[in-house]
N, C-alpha and C. Protein backbone atom coordinates (compact mmCIF):
# COMPACT_ATOMS: atom_id res chain seq x y z
N MET A 1 -20.40 -5.72 3.29
CA MET A 1 -19.57 -4.58 3.53
C MET A 1 -19.03 -4.58 4.97
N ASP A 2 -19.85 -5.03 5.93
CA ASP A 2 -19.41 -5.06 7.30
C ASP A 2 -18.25 -6.03 7.48
N GLN A 3 -18.29 -7.13 6.73
CA GLN A 3 -17.23 -8.10 6.84
C GLN A 3 -15.91 -7.52 6.35
N LEU A 4 -15.96 -6.75 5.27
CA LEU A 4 -14.74 -6.16 4.75
C LEU A 4 -14.16 -5.17 5.74
N SER A 5 -14.99 -4.34 6.35
CA SER A 5 -14.49 -3.39 7.32
C SER A 5 -13.96 -4.13 8.55
N GLY A 6 -14.59 -5.24 8.91
CA GLY A 6 -14.09 -6.05 10.01
C GLY A 6 -12.72 -6.62 9.71
N ASP A 7 -12.50 -7.03 8.46
CA ASP A 7 -11.20 -7.55 8.06
C ASP A 7 -10.14 -6.47 8.21
N LYS A 8 -10.45 -5.27 7.79
CA LYS A 8 -9.48 -4.17 7.86
C LYS A 8 -9.15 -3.84 9.30
N LYS A 9 -10.14 -3.89 10.19
CA LYS A 9 -9.90 -3.62 11.59
C LYS A 9 -8.96 -4.66 12.17
N GLU A 10 -9.20 -5.92 11.85
CA GLU A 10 -8.35 -6.98 12.37
C GLU A 10 -6.93 -6.84 11.85
N GLN A 11 -6.77 -6.46 10.59
CA GLN A 11 -5.45 -6.32 10.02
C GLN A 11 -4.72 -5.15 10.66
N LYS A 12 -5.43 -4.05 10.94
CA LYS A 12 -4.80 -2.89 11.56
C LYS A 12 -4.36 -3.21 12.98
N ASN A 13 -5.20 -3.95 13.72
CA ASN A 13 -4.86 -4.28 15.09
C ASN A 13 -3.72 -5.30 15.14
N GLY A 14 -3.58 -6.10 14.11
CA GLY A 14 -2.52 -7.09 14.07
C GLY A 14 -2.83 -8.34 14.88
N THR A 15 -4.02 -8.43 15.43
CA THR A 15 -4.38 -9.61 16.19
C THR A 15 -4.97 -10.65 15.25
N PRO A 16 -4.51 -11.88 15.35
CA PRO A 16 -5.04 -12.93 14.46
C PRO A 16 -6.46 -13.31 14.87
N LEU A 17 -7.20 -13.76 13.90
CA LEU A 17 -8.57 -14.21 14.13
C LEU A 17 -8.58 -15.63 14.66
N SER A 18 -9.66 -15.98 15.33
CA SER A 18 -9.87 -17.38 15.70
C SER A 18 -10.92 -17.94 14.74
N VAL A 19 -11.05 -19.23 14.71
CA VAL A 19 -11.99 -19.89 13.81
C VAL A 19 -13.42 -19.44 14.10
N ASP A 20 -13.73 -19.20 15.37
CA ASP A 20 -15.08 -18.79 15.75
C ASP A 20 -15.43 -17.39 15.26
N GLU A 21 -14.43 -16.57 15.01
CA GLU A 21 -14.67 -15.18 14.60
C GLU A 21 -14.89 -15.03 13.10
N ILE A 22 -14.60 -16.06 12.32
CA ILE A 22 -14.77 -15.98 10.87
C ILE A 22 -16.26 -16.03 10.54
N GLU A 23 -16.69 -15.10 9.73
CA GLU A 23 -18.09 -15.03 9.34
C GLU A 23 -18.25 -15.52 7.91
N ILE A 24 -18.89 -16.66 7.77
CA ILE A 24 -19.12 -17.23 6.45
C ILE A 24 -20.62 -17.30 6.24
N GLU A 25 -21.13 -16.32 5.54
CA GLU A 25 -22.56 -16.30 5.23
C GLU A 25 -22.73 -16.12 3.73
N ILE A 26 -22.51 -17.21 3.00
CA ILE A 26 -22.62 -17.14 1.54
C ILE A 26 -23.88 -17.81 1.02
N LEU A 27 -24.52 -18.63 1.84
CA LEU A 27 -25.70 -19.35 1.37
C LEU A 27 -26.85 -18.43 0.98
N PRO A 28 -27.14 -17.36 1.73
CA PRO A 28 -28.22 -16.48 1.28
C PRO A 28 -27.94 -15.85 -0.09
N THR A 29 -26.69 -15.53 -0.35
CA THR A 29 -26.34 -14.95 -1.64
C THR A 29 -26.49 -15.98 -2.75
N ILE A 30 -26.05 -17.20 -2.51
CA ILE A 30 -26.19 -18.26 -3.50
C ILE A 30 -27.67 -18.53 -3.77
N TYR A 31 -28.47 -18.53 -2.71
CA TYR A 31 -29.91 -18.74 -2.85
C TYR A 31 -30.53 -17.63 -3.70
N ALA A 32 -30.13 -16.39 -3.47
CA ALA A 32 -30.66 -15.26 -4.24
C ALA A 32 -30.28 -15.37 -5.72
N ILE A 33 -29.07 -15.84 -5.99
CA ILE A 33 -28.63 -16.03 -7.38
C ILE A 33 -29.49 -17.08 -8.06
N ILE A 34 -29.70 -18.19 -7.38
CA ILE A 34 -30.50 -19.27 -7.96
C ILE A 34 -31.93 -18.82 -8.19
N ARG A 35 -32.50 -18.11 -7.22
CA ARG A 35 -33.88 -17.62 -7.37
C ARG A 35 -34.00 -16.65 -8.54
N SER A 36 -33.01 -15.78 -8.73
CA SER A 36 -33.09 -14.80 -9.82
C SER A 36 -32.96 -15.49 -11.18
N VAL A 37 -32.22 -16.57 -11.23
CA VAL A 37 -32.06 -17.30 -12.49
C VAL A 37 -33.29 -18.15 -12.79
N GLU A 38 -33.92 -18.70 -11.75
CA GLU A 38 -35.06 -19.59 -11.94
C GLU A 38 -36.35 -18.88 -12.28
N LYS A 39 -36.45 -17.59 -12.08
CA LYS A 39 -37.70 -16.87 -12.32
C LYS A 39 -38.15 -17.05 -13.77
N ASP A 40 -39.46 -17.20 -13.94
CA ASP A 40 -40.03 -17.36 -15.27
C ASP A 40 -40.70 -16.04 -15.65
N PRO A 41 -40.00 -15.17 -16.37
CA PRO A 41 -40.54 -13.84 -16.68
C PRO A 41 -41.65 -13.90 -17.73
N ILE A 42 -42.59 -12.96 -17.61
CA ILE A 42 -43.68 -12.86 -18.58
C ILE A 42 -43.18 -12.17 -19.84
N ASP A 43 -42.59 -11.01 -19.68
CA ASP A 43 -41.99 -10.30 -20.80
C ASP A 43 -40.52 -10.74 -20.88
N LYS A 44 -40.26 -11.73 -21.67
CA LYS A 44 -38.99 -12.43 -21.62
C LYS A 44 -37.78 -11.56 -21.90
N GLN A 45 -37.82 -10.70 -22.91
CA GLN A 45 -36.63 -9.91 -23.25
C GLN A 45 -36.31 -8.89 -22.16
N ARG A 46 -37.30 -8.11 -21.78
CA ARG A 46 -37.05 -7.06 -20.79
C ARG A 46 -36.71 -7.69 -19.43
N GLU A 47 -37.45 -8.69 -19.07
CA GLU A 47 -37.24 -9.33 -17.78
C GLU A 47 -35.91 -10.09 -17.75
N SER A 48 -35.53 -10.68 -18.87
CA SER A 48 -34.28 -11.42 -18.89
C SER A 48 -33.09 -10.47 -18.72
N GLN A 49 -33.19 -9.27 -19.28
CA GLN A 49 -32.12 -8.29 -19.09
C GLN A 49 -32.05 -7.86 -17.63
N ASP A 50 -33.21 -7.60 -17.04
CA ASP A 50 -33.24 -7.23 -15.62
C ASP A 50 -32.70 -8.38 -14.76
N CYS A 51 -33.11 -9.58 -15.11
CA CYS A 51 -32.67 -10.76 -14.38
C CYS A 51 -31.16 -10.93 -14.50
N SER A 52 -30.63 -10.70 -15.69
CA SER A 52 -29.19 -10.83 -15.91
C SER A 52 -28.43 -9.81 -15.09
N LEU A 53 -28.93 -8.58 -15.04
CA LEU A 53 -28.26 -7.54 -14.25
C LEU A 53 -28.30 -7.87 -12.76
N LYS A 54 -29.46 -8.31 -12.29
CA LYS A 54 -29.57 -8.68 -10.88
C LYS A 54 -28.67 -9.86 -10.55
N SER A 55 -28.66 -10.84 -11.44
CA SER A 55 -27.82 -12.02 -11.21
C SER A 55 -26.35 -11.64 -11.20
N SER A 56 -25.96 -10.76 -12.11
CA SER A 56 -24.56 -10.32 -12.15
C SER A 56 -24.18 -9.61 -10.86
N LYS A 57 -25.07 -8.77 -10.36
CA LYS A 57 -24.79 -8.07 -9.10
C LYS A 57 -24.66 -9.06 -7.95
N LYS A 58 -25.52 -10.07 -7.94
CA LYS A 58 -25.46 -11.07 -6.88
C LYS A 58 -24.17 -11.89 -6.96
N VAL A 59 -23.75 -12.20 -8.18
CA VAL A 59 -22.50 -12.96 -8.35
C VAL A 59 -21.32 -12.12 -7.87
N LEU A 60 -21.33 -10.83 -8.18
CA LEU A 60 -20.26 -9.95 -7.71
C LEU A 60 -20.26 -9.87 -6.18
N GLU A 61 -21.44 -9.82 -5.59
CA GLU A 61 -21.54 -9.80 -4.13
C GLU A 61 -20.98 -11.09 -3.55
N LEU A 62 -21.29 -12.21 -4.19
CA LEU A 62 -20.76 -13.50 -3.74
C LEU A 62 -19.24 -13.52 -3.83
N GLN A 63 -18.70 -13.00 -4.91
CA GLN A 63 -17.24 -12.95 -5.06
C GLN A 63 -16.61 -12.11 -3.96
N LYS A 64 -17.23 -10.99 -3.62
CA LYS A 64 -16.70 -10.14 -2.55
C LYS A 64 -16.73 -10.87 -1.21
N ARG A 65 -17.82 -11.58 -0.96
CA ARG A 65 -17.91 -12.32 0.30
C ARG A 65 -16.87 -13.44 0.37
N LEU A 66 -16.68 -14.13 -0.75
CA LEU A 66 -15.67 -15.20 -0.77
C LEU A 66 -14.28 -14.64 -0.56
N GLU A 67 -14.00 -13.49 -1.15
CA GLU A 67 -12.69 -12.86 -0.96
C GLU A 67 -12.51 -12.44 0.50
N SER A 68 -13.58 -11.95 1.10
CA SER A 68 -13.53 -11.58 2.51
C SER A 68 -13.21 -12.80 3.38
N VAL A 69 -13.85 -13.91 3.08
CA VAL A 69 -13.60 -15.14 3.84
C VAL A 69 -12.16 -15.60 3.63
N ARG A 70 -11.67 -15.51 2.40
CA ARG A 70 -10.28 -15.89 2.14
C ARG A 70 -9.32 -15.04 2.98
N ASN A 71 -9.58 -13.74 3.04
CA ASN A 71 -8.72 -12.85 3.83
C ASN A 71 -8.77 -13.21 5.30
N GLN A 72 -9.96 -13.55 5.80
CA GLN A 72 -10.08 -13.94 7.20
C GLN A 72 -9.33 -15.24 7.47
N ILE A 73 -9.40 -16.18 6.54
CA ILE A 73 -8.72 -17.46 6.72
C ILE A 73 -7.21 -17.26 6.71
N ARG A 74 -6.73 -16.35 5.89
CA ARG A 74 -5.29 -16.07 5.86
C ARG A 74 -4.80 -15.51 7.19
N GLN A 75 -5.68 -14.89 7.96
CA GLN A 75 -5.30 -14.31 9.25
C GLN A 75 -5.27 -15.35 10.37
N LEU A 76 -5.81 -16.54 10.11
CA LEU A 76 -5.80 -17.57 11.15
C LEU A 76 -4.37 -17.97 11.47
N PRO A 77 -4.09 -18.12 12.74
CA PRO A 77 -2.72 -18.55 13.10
C PRO A 77 -2.53 -20.03 12.81
N ILE A 78 -1.34 -20.37 12.39
CA ILE A 78 -1.00 -21.77 12.16
C ILE A 78 -0.17 -22.22 13.36
N ASP A 79 -0.77 -23.07 14.19
CA ASP A 79 -0.14 -23.48 15.43
C ASP A 79 0.86 -24.61 15.24
N LEU A 80 0.58 -25.48 14.29
CA LEU A 80 1.39 -26.69 14.12
C LEU A 80 1.96 -26.76 12.72
N ASN A 81 3.16 -27.32 12.61
CA ASN A 81 3.70 -27.54 11.26
C ASN A 81 3.12 -28.83 10.69
N LYS A 82 3.48 -29.15 9.48
CA LYS A 82 2.87 -30.29 8.79
C LYS A 82 3.11 -31.61 9.52
N GLU A 83 4.32 -31.81 10.00
CA GLU A 83 4.64 -33.07 10.69
C GLU A 83 3.83 -33.21 11.97
N GLU A 84 3.70 -32.11 12.71
CA GLU A 84 2.93 -32.15 13.95
C GLU A 84 1.45 -32.40 13.67
N GLN A 85 0.95 -31.83 12.58
CA GLN A 85 -0.44 -32.05 12.21
C GLN A 85 -0.67 -33.51 11.84
N LEU A 86 0.26 -34.10 11.08
CA LEU A 86 0.14 -35.52 10.71
C LEU A 86 0.22 -36.41 11.93
N GLN A 87 1.11 -36.07 12.85
CA GLN A 87 1.22 -36.86 14.07
C GLN A 87 -0.06 -36.76 14.90
N ARG A 88 -0.62 -35.57 14.98
CA ARG A 88 -1.88 -35.39 15.72
C ARG A 88 -3.02 -36.15 15.06
N LEU A 89 -3.06 -36.13 13.72
CA LEU A 89 -4.07 -36.88 13.00
C LEU A 89 -3.95 -38.37 13.28
N GLU A 90 -2.76 -38.89 13.28
CA GLU A 90 -2.55 -40.31 13.58
C GLU A 90 -2.98 -40.65 15.00
N THR A 91 -2.68 -39.77 15.93
CA THR A 91 -3.10 -39.98 17.32
C THR A 91 -4.62 -40.00 17.44
N LEU A 92 -5.27 -39.08 16.75
CA LEU A 92 -6.73 -39.04 16.78
C LEU A 92 -7.35 -40.27 16.14
N ARG A 93 -6.74 -40.75 15.08
CA ARG A 93 -7.24 -41.99 14.45
C ARG A 93 -7.11 -43.18 15.39
N ASN A 94 -5.98 -43.25 16.08
CA ASN A 94 -5.78 -44.34 17.04
C ASN A 94 -6.80 -44.26 18.17
N GLN A 95 -7.06 -43.05 18.64
CA GLN A 95 -8.07 -42.88 19.68
C GLN A 95 -9.45 -43.31 19.19
N LEU A 96 -9.76 -42.98 17.96
CA LEU A 96 -11.04 -43.38 17.38
C LEU A 96 -11.16 -44.90 17.33
N LEU A 97 -10.11 -45.56 16.86
CA LEU A 97 -10.13 -47.02 16.80
C LEU A 97 -10.32 -47.64 18.18
N LEU A 98 -9.61 -47.12 19.17
CA LEU A 98 -9.75 -47.64 20.53
C LEU A 98 -11.17 -47.45 21.06
N LYS A 99 -11.74 -46.31 20.80
CA LYS A 99 -13.11 -46.05 21.26
C LYS A 99 -14.12 -46.94 20.54
N GLN A 100 -13.89 -47.17 19.26
CA GLN A 100 -14.79 -48.07 18.52
C GLN A 100 -14.71 -49.49 19.07
N LYS A 101 -13.50 -49.94 19.37
CA LYS A 101 -13.33 -51.27 19.95
C LYS A 101 -14.01 -51.36 21.32
N LEU A 102 -13.85 -50.31 22.09
CA LEU A 102 -14.46 -50.28 23.41
C LEU A 102 -15.98 -50.31 23.32
N LEU A 103 -16.54 -49.59 22.38
CA LEU A 103 -17.99 -49.60 22.18
C LEU A 103 -18.50 -50.97 21.77
N THR A 104 -17.81 -51.61 20.85
CA THR A 104 -18.24 -52.96 20.43
C THR A 104 -18.11 -53.95 21.59
N LYS A 105 -17.08 -53.76 22.41
CA LYS A 105 -16.90 -54.65 23.57
C LYS A 105 -18.08 -54.50 24.53
N TYR A 106 -18.48 -53.26 24.81
CA TYR A 106 -19.60 -53.04 25.73
C TYR A 106 -20.92 -53.47 25.13
N LYS A 107 -21.05 -53.38 23.83
CA LYS A 107 -22.29 -53.83 23.18
C LYS A 107 -22.43 -55.34 23.28
N ASN A 108 -21.33 -56.04 23.26
CA ASN A 108 -21.34 -57.50 23.29
C ASN A 108 -21.48 -58.07 24.70
N ILE A 109 -21.28 -57.23 25.72
CA ILE A 109 -21.42 -57.71 27.09
C ILE A 109 -22.90 -57.88 27.42
N GLN A 110 -23.22 -59.04 27.98
CA GLN A 110 -24.60 -59.29 28.39
C GLN A 110 -24.71 -59.12 29.89
N PHE A 111 -25.71 -58.40 30.32
CA PHE A 111 -25.90 -58.17 31.76
C PHE A 111 -26.89 -59.11 32.33
């Protein structure tokens, strides 16, 4: 719920989010869903209904969190267009290759 209210505040202010401000905490919810499904109930019918209700609530909570994350991602500013991103990627790949060559060169040098 806090994440949703945070999203609304950011949208009202009109200031874009940064990557560091995005809150992605879905693993605890996924873990709770798995745990509720894995339980081995003693009274199978009654417990399975309770388990199904709890699991459904957890899945709905997960969906809300994912939607919140999607909204936060939509607020991220896009600094570069596609061509600039591809050019930057190519530059980074070239830098990686040069650094790898440099590392192998230094590894092969005997002191």
